[in-house]
């Protein structure tokens, strides 16, 4: 790797305020805000809207669409395909 062309890579805290969840990882993302972490050190913090703690796919609260009911309703309204 060429020196001096890559952004600094270091520890950053990503915080999901909606789920009251935060995790410490390494990233090239930076922030002016800081937070004191559990280990007593201060790290830059980046607030995110969705994380694995709040996303419906990971939490198991995803809605299942009733596609069969929607198809039947469409067929009742406009007729079945090929009926002409």
C-alpha atoms as a PDB file:
ATOM      1  CA  UNK A   1       0.000   0.000   0.000  1.00  0.00           C
ATOM      2  CA  UNK A   2       1.185   3.470  -0.779  1.00  0.00           C
ATOM      3  CA  UNK A   3       1.770   5.557   2.335  1.00  0.00           C
ATOM      4  CA  UNK A   4      -0.217   8.740   2.802  1.00  0.00           C
ATOM      5  CA  UNK A   5      -3.138   8.073   0.413  1.00  0.00           C
ATOM      6  CA  UNK A   6      -5.437   6.083   2.716  1.00  0.00           C
ATOM      7  CA  UNK A   7      -7.669   7.628   5.394  1.00  0.00           C
ATOM      8  CA  UNK A   8      -6.811   6.847   9.018  1.00  0.00           C
ATOM      9  CA  UNK A   9      -8.316   3.574  10.239  1.00  0.00           C
ATOM     10  CA  UNK A  10      -9.149   3.452  13.937  1.00  0.00           C
ATOM     11  CA  UNK A  11     -11.708   2.639  16.616  1.00  0.00           C
ATOM     12  CA  UNK A  12     -15.161   4.239  16.253  1.00  0.00           C
ATOM     13  CA  UNK A  13     -18.416   3.749  18.178  1.00  0.00           C
ATOM     14  CA  UNK A  14     -21.575   3.368  16.103  1.00  0.00           C
ATOM     15  CA  UNK A  15     -24.710   4.213  18.109  1.00  0.00           C
ATOM     16  CA  UNK A  16     -28.324   3.402  17.257  1.00  0.00           C
ATOM     17  CA  UNK A  17     -30.325   5.852  19.358  1.00  0.00           C
ATOM     18  CA  UNK A  18     -33.694   4.279  18.508  1.00  0.00           C
ATOM     19  CA  UNK A  19     -32.679   0.926  20.004  1.00  0.00           C
ATOM     20  CA  UNK A  20     -30.315   2.320  22.666  1.00  0.00           C
ATOM     21  CA  UNK A  21     -27.558   0.131  21.228  1.00  0.00           C
ATOM     22  CA  UNK A  22     -23.899   0.915  20.508  1.00  0.00           C
ATOM     23  CA  UNK A  23     -20.914  -1.085  19.386  1.00  0.00           C
ATOM     24  CA  UNK A  24     -17.212  -0.388  19.079  1.00  0.00           C
ATOM     25  CA  UNK A  25     -15.472  -1.303  15.847  1.00  0.00           C
ATOM     26  CA  UNK A  26     -12.741  -0.013  13.557  1.00  0.00           C
ATOM     27  CA  UNK A  27     -13.549   2.237  10.618  1.00  0.00           C
ATOM     28  CA  UNK A  28     -12.273   5.034   8.432  1.00  0.00           C
ATOM     29  CA  UNK A  29     -15.392   7.091   9.261  1.00  0.00           C
ATOM     30  CA  UNK A  30     -14.786  10.086  11.505  1.00  0.00           C
ATOM     31  CA  UNK A  31     -16.888  12.345  13.699  1.00  0.00           C
ATOM     32  CA  UNK A  32     -16.484  15.454  15.819  1.00  0.00           C
ATOM     33  CA  UNK A  33     -18.666  13.975  18.578  1.00  0.00           C
ATOM     34  CA  UNK A  34     -17.068  11.683  21.144  1.00  0.00           C
ATOM     35  CA  UNK A  35     -18.277   9.233  23.756  1.00  0.00           C
ATOM     36  CA  UNK A  36     -16.660   7.598  26.740  1.00  0.00           C
ATOM     37  CA  UNK A  37     -16.792   3.851  26.213  1.00  0.00           C
ATOM     38  CA  UNK A  38     -17.036   1.057  28.810  1.00  0.00           C
ATOM     39  CA  UNK A  39     -13.256   0.659  28.915  1.00  0.00           C
ATOM     40  CA  UNK A  40     -12.825   4.284  30.018  1.00  0.00           C
ATOM     41  CA  UNK A  41     -11.383   5.522  26.715  1.00  0.00           C
ATOM     42  CA  UNK A  42     -12.951   8.236  24.576  1.00  0.00           C
ATOM     43  CA  UNK A  43     -13.837   7.379  20.968  1.00  0.00           C
ATOM     44  CA  UNK A  44     -15.536   9.222  18.108  1.00  0.00           C
ATOM     45  CA  UNK A  45     -19.236   8.319  17.886  1.00  0.00           C
ATOM     46  CA  UNK A  46     -21.401   8.091  14.762  1.00  0.00           C
ATOM     47  CA  UNK A  47     -25.188   7.982  15.155  1.00  0.00           C
ATOM     48  CA  UNK A  48     -26.971   5.636  12.754  1.00  0.00           C
ATOM     49  CA  UNK A  49     -30.687   5.306  12.073  1.00  0.00           C
ATOM     50  CA  UNK A  50     -30.797   1.523  11.694  1.00  0.00           C
ATOM     51  CA  UNK A  51     -28.603  -1.215  13.113  1.00  0.00           C
ATOM     52  CA  UNK A  52     -28.957  -4.918  13.762  1.00  0.00           C
ATOM     53  CA  UNK A  53     -30.716  -4.031  17.029  1.00  0.00           C
ATOM     54  CA  UNK A  54     -33.516  -2.076  15.351  1.00  0.00           C
ATOM     55  CA  UNK A  55     -33.851  -3.466  11.811  1.00  0.00           C
ATOM     56  CA  UNK A  56     -36.954  -5.677  11.408  1.00  0.00           C
ATOM     57  CA  UNK A  57     -35.011  -8.390   9.571  1.00  0.00           C
ATOM     58  CA  UNK A  58     -32.673  -8.951  12.515  1.00  0.00           C
ATOM     59  CA  UNK A  59     -35.233  -8.455  15.280  1.00  0.00           C
ATOM     60  CA  UNK A  60     -37.756 -10.881  13.771  1.00  0.00           C
ATOM     61  CA  UNK A  61     -40.546  -8.301  13.625  1.00  0.00           C
ATOM     62  CA  UNK A  62     -40.665  -8.165   9.826  1.00  0.00           C
ATOM     63  CA  UNK A  63     -44.163  -8.087   8.367  1.00  0.00           C
ATOM     64  CA  UNK A  64     -45.146 -10.816   5.938  1.00  0.00           C
ATOM     65  CA  UNK A  65     -47.277  -9.537   3.100  1.00  0.00           C
ATOM     66  CA  UNK A  66     -50.323 -11.550   2.140  1.00  0.00           C
ATOM     67  CA  UNK A  67     -49.522 -11.776  -1.567  1.00  0.00           C
ATOM     68  CA  UNK A  68     -52.134 -14.462  -2.242  1.00  0.00           C
ATOM     69  CA  UNK A  69     -54.873 -12.199  -0.914  1.00  0.00           C
ATOM     70  CA  UNK A  70     -53.633  -9.309  -3.019  1.00  0.00           C
ATOM     71  CA  UNK A  71     -53.622 -11.449  -6.172  1.00  0.00           C
ATOM     72  CA  UNK A  72     -57.144 -12.708  -5.488  1.00  0.00           C
ATOM     73  CA  UNK A  73     -58.378  -9.161  -4.914  1.00  0.00           C
ATOM     74  CA  UNK A  74     -56.775  -8.055  -8.182  1.00  0.00           C
ATOM     75  CA  UNK A  75     -58.396 -10.954 -10.056  1.00  0.00           C
ATOM     76  CA  UNK A  76     -61.816 -10.164  -8.571  1.00  0.00           C
ATOM     77  CA  UNK A  77     -61.466  -6.528  -9.535  1.00  0.00           C
ATOM     78  CA  UNK A  78     -60.072  -6.930 -13.054  1.00  0.00           C
ATOM     79  CA  UNK A  79     -60.837 -10.541 -13.955  1.00  0.00           C
ATOM     80  CA  UNK A  80     -58.517 -13.494 -14.377  1.00  0.00           C
ATOM     81  CA  UNK A  81     -55.765 -13.425 -16.928  1.00  0.00           C
ATOM     82  CA  UNK A  82     -56.639 -15.012 -20.258  1.00  0.00           C
ATOM     83  CA  UNK A  83     -60.374 -15.069 -19.542  1.00  0.00           C
ATOM     84  CA  UNK A  84     -61.131 -13.030 -22.693  1.00  0.00           C
END
